């Protein structure tokens, strides 16, 4: 179900969904075929994948809230909540926490871009763990595993909340639920953020909200 929802969002955003063509991109053309050719011409779909995953996470969170309001698990707020922005793409204020814990660590990829979320619909301290590390190659010897640079030295992990290209010695991005071995140098992904890597050594920690 989650994958189907993500794919539907992706198709809408890129203009591939027949009923939603040009909602996001007026230059995608008038027909379904035009929209498809437009998307195929885009080598880097990073922005679309990130936006589609954000939409998916918010929709699941929103549906969980609506169910809890309906069955009386928690009182419905006075102000009406909106699943999406009025344009279908922007996001409003963060949604209230759910009573049930919905842990949404999801990973999607088109073979060039990989986007992995660490998201929870409830309190932040109930989220599943998620870590990342960057370097030029991944080495594993017996119980010792590390991402290293070309000199064989383990690069320091530099948290970055803004999109940036990876440096020449940062061509490998490892994302895992836990550190891969004892002493493995990695950085924890902030709750309700996603790790994004894409073509041309693109790397970012993006907010899911």
Protein backbone atom coordinates (compact mmCIF):
# COMPACT_ATOMS: atom_id res chain seq x y z
CA UNK A 1 0.00 0.00 0.00
CA UNK A 2 2.80 2.45 0.92
CA UNK A 3 4.62 1.82 -2.35
CA UNK A 4 1.41 2.29 -4.32
CA UNK A 5 0.76 5.60 -2.55
CA UNK A 6 4.31 6.77 -3.20
CA UNK A 7 4.15 5.81 -6.89
CA UNK A 8 0.81 7.61 -7.28
CA UNK A 9 2.27 10.75 -5.70
CA UNK A 10 5.35 10.51 -7.90
CA UNK A 11 3.21 10.17 -11.03
CA UNK A 12 1.12 13.20 -10.06
CA UNK A 13 4.17 15.35 -9.31
CA UNK A 14 5.92 14.49 -12.56
CA UNK A 15 2.75 14.84 -14.65
CA UNK A 16 2.49 11.14 -15.51
CA UNK A 17 -0.94 10.75 -13.91
CA UNK A 18 -3.49 11.40 -16.67
CA UNK A 19 -5.94 13.37 -14.52
CA UNK A 20 -3.22 15.50 -12.97
CA UNK A 21 -1.03 16.41 -15.94
CA UNK A 22 0.50 19.90 -15.66
CA UNK A 23 -0.61 20.37 -12.04
CA UNK A 24 3.05 20.79 -11.13
CA UNK A 25 4.83 21.42 -14.42
CA UNK A 26 3.23 23.45 -17.16
CA UNK A 27 6.09 22.58 -19.51
CA UNK A 28 5.31 18.85 -19.32
CA UNK A 29 3.00 19.10 -22.34
CA UNK A 30 -0.71 18.61 -22.87
CA UNK A 31 -0.97 14.83 -23.27
CA UNK A 32 0.03 11.76 -21.29
CA UNK A 33 2.67 10.95 -23.92
CA UNK A 34 4.11 14.46 -23.66
CA UNK A 35 4.30 14.17 -19.88
CA UNK A 36 6.01 10.79 -20.10
CA UNK A 37 8.63 12.08 -22.53
CA UNK A 38 9.18 15.09 -20.29
CA UNK A 39 9.90 12.89 -17.27
CA UNK A 40 12.16 10.56 -19.25
CA UNK A 41 14.20 13.55 -20.37
CA UNK A 42 14.99 14.46 -16.77
CA UNK A 43 18.14 12.61 -15.74
CA UNK A 44 17.88 13.74 -12.14
CA UNK A 45 14.55 12.99 -10.48
CA UNK A 46 15.82 13.75 -6.97
CA UNK A 47 13.44 16.63 -6.27
CA UNK A 48 10.41 14.62 -7.42
CA UNK A 49 11.34 11.59 -5.33
CA UNK A 50 11.90 13.69 -2.18
CA UNK A 51 8.60 15.54 -2.65
CA UNK A 52 6.67 12.33 -3.34
CA UNK A 53 8.05 10.70 -0.19
CA UNK A 54 7.17 13.78 1.88
CA UNK A 55 3.62 13.66 0.54
CA UNK A 56 3.35 9.95 1.32
CA UNK A 57 4.54 10.37 4.91
CA UNK A 58 2.12 13.23 5.54
CA UNK A 59 -0.80 11.36 3.99
CA UNK A 60 -0.22 8.29 6.18
CA UNK A 61 0.11 10.51 9.25
CA UNK A 62 -3.07 12.37 8.30
CA UNK A 63 -5.06 9.16 7.78
CA UNK A 64 -3.89 7.84 11.16
CA UNK A 65 -5.07 11.04 12.84
CA UNK A 66 -8.44 10.95 11.10
CA UNK A 67 -8.96 7.38 12.32
CA UNK A 68 -8.10 8.30 15.90
CA UNK A 69 -10.49 11.26 15.81
CA UNK A 70 -13.25 9.10 14.32
CA UNK A 71 -13.06 6.32 16.91
CA UNK A 72 -12.48 8.72 19.81
CA UNK A 73 -8.91 7.75 20.68
CA UNK A 74 -8.13 11.45 20.93
CA UNK A 75 -10.33 14.57 20.65
CA UNK A 76 -10.50 16.33 17.32
CA UNK A 77 -8.82 19.77 17.37
CA UNK A 78 -10.88 22.90 16.97
CA UNK A 79 -9.00 23.94 13.84
CA UNK A 80 -9.43 21.87 10.71
CA UNK A 81 -6.38 19.93 9.61
CA UNK A 82 -5.33 19.81 5.98
CA UNK A 83 -3.73 16.77 4.44
CA UNK A 84 -1.87 18.88 1.86
CA UNK A 85 -1.42 22.49 0.91
CA UNK A 86 -3.96 24.15 -1.35
CA UNK A 87 -1.69 23.60 -4.37
CA UNK A 88 -1.23 19.91 -3.57
CA UNK A 89 2.52 20.30 -3.07
CA UNK A 90 3.23 22.68 -0.18
CA UNK A 91 3.02 21.70 3.45
CA UNK A 92 1.41 23.53 6.32
CA UNK A 93 2.12 23.23 10.02
CA UNK A 94 3.33 19.85 11.33
CA UNK A 95 0.47 17.47 12.07
CA UNK A 96 -0.38 16.66 15.72
CA UNK A 97 1.11 13.50 17.20
CA UNK A 98 -0.90 10.32 16.95
CA UNK A 99 -1.67 8.17 19.99
CA UNK A 100 -0.54 5.04 18.15
CA UNK A 101 3.13 4.96 17.20
CA UNK A 102 3.56 4.97 13.42
CA UNK A 103 7.25 4.45 12.62
CA UNK A 104 7.90 5.18 8.95
CA UNK A 105 11.51 4.42 8.05
CA UNK A 106 11.08 4.10 4.28
CA UNK A 107 13.64 3.87 1.48
CA UNK A 108 12.96 4.54 -2.22
CA UNK A 109 15.30 4.67 -5.19
CA UNK A 110 15.21 5.00 -8.98
CA UNK A 111 18.72 3.59 -9.35
CA UNK A 112 20.38 7.02 -9.21
CA UNK A 113 18.69 8.79 -6.33
CA UNK A 114 18.09 7.15 -2.95
CA UNK A 115 15.85 8.72 -0.34
CA UNK A 116 15.49 7.20 3.14
CA UNK A 117 13.20 8.63 5.81
CA UNK A 118 13.27 8.52 9.59
CA UNK A 119 9.74 9.55 10.49
CA UNK A 120 7.34 8.91 13.34
CA UNK A 121 3.71 10.03 13.70
CA UNK A 122 3.96 10.03 17.51
CA UNK A 123 6.50 11.51 19.93
CA UNK A 124 10.02 11.94 18.48
CA UNK A 125 11.64 9.69 21.08
CA UNK A 126 9.53 6.75 19.81
CA UNK A 127 11.11 6.80 16.33
CA UNK A 128 13.13 3.92 14.95
CA UNK A 129 16.86 4.62 14.67
CA UNK A 130 18.63 5.54 11.41
CA UNK A 131 22.30 6.34 10.69
CA UNK A 132 24.43 7.47 7.76
CA UNK A 133 28.10 7.68 6.87
CA UNK A 134 29.96 9.05 3.81
CA UNK A 135 33.34 8.26 2.26
CA UNK A 136 35.01 6.98 -0.91
CA UNK A 137 34.64 3.24 -0.29
CA UNK A 138 33.28 0.70 2.17
CA UNK A 139 35.65 -1.85 3.71
CA UNK A 140 34.91 -4.77 6.01
CA UNK A 141 37.55 -6.99 7.60
CA UNK A 142 36.46 -9.58 10.17
CA UNK A 143 34.40 -7.54 12.65
CA UNK A 144 35.83 -4.19 11.55
CA UNK A 145 33.68 -2.30 9.02
CA UNK A 146 34.17 1.31 7.97
CA UNK A 147 33.56 3.81 5.21
CA UNK A 148 37.02 5.18 4.36
CA UNK A 149 38.57 7.73 2.01
CA UNK A 150 41.15 6.91 -0.69
CA UNK A 151 44.00 7.09 1.82
CA UNK A 152 42.44 4.37 3.94
CA UNK A 153 41.58 6.85 6.68
CA UNK A 154 38.08 6.91 8.13
CA UNK A 155 36.65 10.33 7.25
CA UNK A 156 34.99 12.36 10.00
CA UNK A 157 31.22 12.51 9.83
CA UNK A 158 30.08 16.06 9.15
CA UNK A 159 26.38 16.62 9.80
CA UNK A 160 24.84 18.79 7.10
CA UNK A 161 21.24 19.96 7.05
CA UNK A 162 21.61 21.76 3.73
CA UNK A 163 21.91 20.21 0.26
CA UNK A 164 25.50 20.03 -0.91
CA UNK A 165 27.63 18.05 -3.35
CA UNK A 166 29.75 15.35 -1.78
CA UNK A 167 33.47 16.07 -1.79
CA UNK A 168 35.84 13.99 -3.93
CA UNK A 169 36.49 11.70 -0.98
CA UNK A 170 32.76 11.27 -0.27
CA UNK A 171 31.38 9.14 -3.07
CA UNK A 172 29.85 6.44 -0.86
CA UNK A 173 26.81 6.96 1.33
CA UNK A 174 25.85 4.19 3.74
CA UNK A 175 22.43 4.35 5.43
CA UNK A 176 21.57 1.75 8.06
CA UNK A 177 19.16 1.23 10.92
CA UNK A 178 22.09 0.71 13.33
CA UNK A 179 25.88 1.23 13.21
CA UNK A 180 27.19 -1.60 11.04
CA UNK A 181 29.89 -2.75 13.46
CA UNK A 182 31.52 -1.93 16.77
CA UNK A 183 33.25 1.43 16.41
CA UNK A 184 31.59 2.17 13.05
CA UNK A 185 31.74 5.94 12.59
CA UNK A 186 28.35 7.26 11.57
CA UNK A 187 25.92 10.04 12.33
CA UNK A 188 22.35 9.70 13.56
CA UNK A 189 19.71 11.01 11.17
CA UNK A 190 17.50 13.56 12.98
CA UNK A 191 13.93 12.46 13.63
CA UNK A 192 11.52 13.45 10.84
CA UNK A 193 14.32 13.92 8.33
CA UNK A 194 15.44 11.98 5.29
CA UNK A 195 18.86 11.14 3.87
CA UNK A 196 19.08 11.97 0.17
CA UNK A 197 21.84 11.03 -2.26
CA UNK A 198 21.64 11.57 -5.99
CA UNK A 199 23.49 12.11 -9.28
CA UNK A 200 26.55 14.35 -9.40
CA UNK A 201 27.41 13.41 -5.82
CA UNK A 202 24.38 15.23 -4.41
CA UNK A 203 23.85 14.71 -0.69
CA UNK A 204 21.44 16.25 1.82
CA UNK A 205 19.55 15.75 5.04
CA UNK A 206 16.08 17.06 4.24
CA UNK A 207 13.16 17.71 6.57
CA UNK A 208 10.14 15.43 6.12
CA UNK A 209 7.84 18.21 7.35
